[in-house]
C-alpha atoms as a PDB file:
ATOM      1  CA  MET A   1     121.133 127.282  94.008  1.00  0.00           C
ATOM      2  CA  GLU A   2     119.111 124.476  95.557  1.00  0.00           C
ATOM      3  CA  LYS A   3     118.415 124.426  99.245  1.00  0.00           C
ATOM      4  CA  ILE A   4     118.703 120.963 100.810  1.00  0.00           C
ATOM      5  CA  LEU A   5     116.490 120.241 103.810  1.00  0.00           C
ATOM      6  CA  SER A   6     117.106 117.395 106.197  1.00  0.00           C
ATOM      7  CA  CYS A   7     114.462 114.734 105.764  1.00  0.00           C
ATOM      8  CA  GLY A   8     115.610 111.636 107.628  1.00  0.00           C
ATOM      9  CA  TYR A   9     113.582 108.545 108.337  1.00  0.00           C
ATOM     10  CA  TRP A  10     112.089 109.739 111.643  1.00  0.00           C
ATOM     11  CA  LYS A  11     111.043 113.132 110.320  1.00  0.00           C
ATOM     12  CA  CYS A  12     109.493 111.714 107.142  1.00  0.00           C
ATOM     13  CA  ALA A  13     107.732 108.902 109.013  1.00  0.00           C
ATOM     14  CA  HIS A  14     106.331 111.387 111.537  1.00  0.00           C
ATOM     15  CA  ARG A  15     104.958 113.601 108.758  1.00  0.00           C
ATOM     16  CA  VAL A  16     103.427 110.670 106.892  1.00  0.00           C
ATOM     17  CA  GLY A  17     101.975 109.392 110.177  1.00  0.00           C
ATOM     18  CA  LEU A  18     100.309 112.705 110.913  1.00  0.00           C
ATOM     19  CA  PHE A  19      98.973 112.900 107.364  1.00  0.00           C
ATOM     20  CA  LEU A  20      97.506 109.382 107.497  1.00  0.00           C
ATOM     21  CA  ALA A  21      96.080 109.969 110.991  1.00  0.00           C
ATOM     22  CA  ALA A  22      94.354 113.108 109.663  1.00  0.00           C
ATOM     23  CA  LEU A  23      92.875 111.042 106.819  1.00  0.00           C
ATOM     24  CA  PHE A  24      91.672 108.487 109.374  1.00  0.00           C
ATOM     25  CA  VAL A  25      89.950 111.267 111.350  1.00  0.00           C
ATOM     26  CA  ILE A  26      88.252 112.455 108.153  1.00  0.00           C
ATOM     27  CA  CYS A  27      87.068 108.917 107.310  1.00  0.00           C
ATOM     28  CA  PHE A  28      85.852 108.358 110.857  1.00  0.00           C
ATOM     29  CA  GLY A  29      83.985 111.671 110.796  1.00  0.00           C
ATOM     30  CA  PHE A  30      82.568 110.875 107.372  1.00  0.00           C
ATOM     31  CA  HIS A  31      80.711 107.955 108.949  1.00  0.00           C
ATOM     32  CA  SER A  32      78.725 110.312 111.171  1.00  0.00           C
ATOM     33  CA  VAL A  33      77.927 112.745 108.337  1.00  0.00           C
ATOM     34  CA  TYR A  34      77.051 110.463 105.440  1.00  0.00           C
ATOM     35  CA  GLN A  35      75.959 106.843 105.846  1.00  0.00           C
ATOM     36  CA  PRO A  36      74.803 105.278 102.588  1.00  0.00           C
ATOM     37  CA  ASP A  37      75.753 101.853 103.954  1.00  0.00           C
ATOM     38  CA  PRO A  38      76.469 102.103 107.705  1.00  0.00           C
ATOM     39  CA  GLU A  39      77.997  98.631 107.859  1.00  0.00           C
ATOM     40  CA  PHE A  40      80.470  99.152 104.991  1.00  0.00           C
ATOM     41  CA  LEU A  41      82.831 101.578 106.735  1.00  0.00           C
ATOM     42  CA  LEU A  42      82.549  99.677 110.015  1.00  0.00           C
ATOM     43  CA  LYS A  43      83.512  96.387 108.328  1.00  0.00           C
ATOM     44  CA  MET A  44      86.346  98.076 106.470  1.00  0.00           C
ATOM     45  CA  PHE A  45      87.766  99.499 109.706  1.00  0.00           C
ATOM     46  CA  GLN A  46      87.358  96.127 111.454  1.00  0.00           C
ATOM     47  CA  SER A  47      89.286  94.379 108.691  1.00  0.00           C
ATOM     48  CA  VAL A  48      92.148  96.901 108.785  1.00  0.00           C
ATOM     49  CA  TYR A  49      92.586  97.772 112.487  1.00  0.00           C
ATOM     50  CA  LEU A  50      93.234  95.316 115.309  1.00  0.00           C
ATOM     51  CA  GLY A  51      90.729  95.654 118.138  1.00  0.00           C
ATOM     52  CA  PHE A  52      88.329  97.904 116.214  1.00  0.00           C
ATOM     53  CA  THR A  53      84.855  97.044 117.534  1.00  0.00           C
ATOM     54  CA  GLY A  54      82.639  99.940 116.542  1.00  0.00           C
ATOM     55  CA  MET A  55      82.393 103.641 115.943  1.00  0.00           C
ATOM     56  CA  ASP A  56      83.304 104.631 119.508  1.00  0.00           C
ATOM     57  CA  LEU A  57      86.131 106.504 121.233  1.00  0.00           C
ATOM     58  CA  THR A  58      88.190 103.399 122.051  1.00  0.00           C
ATOM     59  CA  SER A  59      88.122 102.165 118.471  1.00  0.00           C
ATOM     60  CA  PHE A  60      88.880 105.669 117.219  1.00  0.00           C
ATOM     61  CA  LEU A  61      91.990 105.896 119.402  1.00  0.00           C
ATOM     62  CA  LEU A  62      93.125 102.395 118.408  1.00  0.00           C
ATOM     63  CA  GLY A  63      92.678 103.225 114.734  1.00  0.00           C
ATOM     64  CA  ALA A  64      94.492 106.556 114.938  1.00  0.00           C
ATOM     65  CA  ILE A  65      97.441 105.043 116.820  1.00  0.00           C
ATOM     66  CA  GLN A  66      97.696 102.077 114.450  1.00  0.00           C
ATOM     67  CA  THR A  67      97.547 104.388 111.443  1.00  0.00           C
ATOM     68  CA  TYR A  68     100.425 106.438 112.836  1.00  0.00           C
ATOM     69  CA  ILE A  69     102.489 103.298 113.543  1.00  0.00           C
ATOM     70  CA  TRP A  70     101.826 101.877 110.066  1.00  0.00           C
ATOM     71  CA  ALA A  71     103.279 105.081 108.610  1.00  0.00           C
ATOM     72  CA  TYR A  72     106.616 104.309 110.288  1.00  0.00           C
ATOM     73  CA  ILE A  73     106.517 100.775 108.917  1.00  0.00           C
ATOM     74  CA  GLY A  74     105.572 101.991 105.438  1.00  0.00           C
ATOM     75  CA  VAL A  75     108.300 104.644 105.326  1.00  0.00           C
ATOM     76  CA  GLY A  76     110.792 102.057 106.608  1.00  0.00           C
ATOM     77  CA  ILE A  77     109.883  99.718 103.764  1.00  0.00           C
ATOM     78  CA  TRP A  78     110.071 102.656 101.332  1.00  0.00           C
ATOM     79  CA  TYR A  79     113.612 103.398 102.497  1.00  0.00           C
ATOM     80  CA  ALA A  80     114.601  99.711 102.582  1.00  0.00           C
ATOM     81  CA  VAL A  81     113.716  99.106  98.942  1.00  0.00           C
ATOM     82  CA  GLY A  82     115.679 102.187  97.926  1.00  0.00           C
ATOM     83  CA  CYS A  83     112.874 104.428  96.715  1.00  0.00           C
ATOM     84  CA  CYS A  84     114.580 107.547  98.051  1.00  0.00           C
ATOM     85  CA  HIS A  85     117.293 109.329  96.106  1.00  0.00           C
ATOM     86  CA  ASN A  86     119.203 110.299  99.245  1.00  0.00           C
ATOM     87  CA  TRP A  87     118.855 108.468 102.527  1.00  0.00           C
ATOM     88  CA  ASP A  88     119.083 111.531 104.724  1.00  0.00           C
ATOM     89  CA  GLN A  89     118.158 114.507 102.555  1.00  0.00           C
ATOM     90  CA  CYS A  90     115.250 115.698 100.438  1.00  0.00           C
ATOM     91  CA  GLN A  91     115.619 118.247  97.696  1.00  0.00           C
ATOM     92  CA  LYS A  92     113.510 121.378  97.700  1.00  0.00           C
ATOM     93  CA  GLU A  93     113.567 124.323  95.335  1.00  0.00           C
END
């Protein structure tokens, strides 16, 4: 018998937000480890995040917060176009 777990909008958006924020942290950290073209990642972040000025703490916080917020918007669009089978439940084995 299948076990159904609750997976509403807020819970799914929170999980996606945390996942994307973790990816942002990895990308931000990647800049300090490996820099084949130091300007490339900086320009990419500046084109994606509002208020991103450089590889500093303020820009890092702005980027992480915006990434988390964009997850809520993305999951909302995902739900709005009907890409989920059930609006309030996910199926798990």
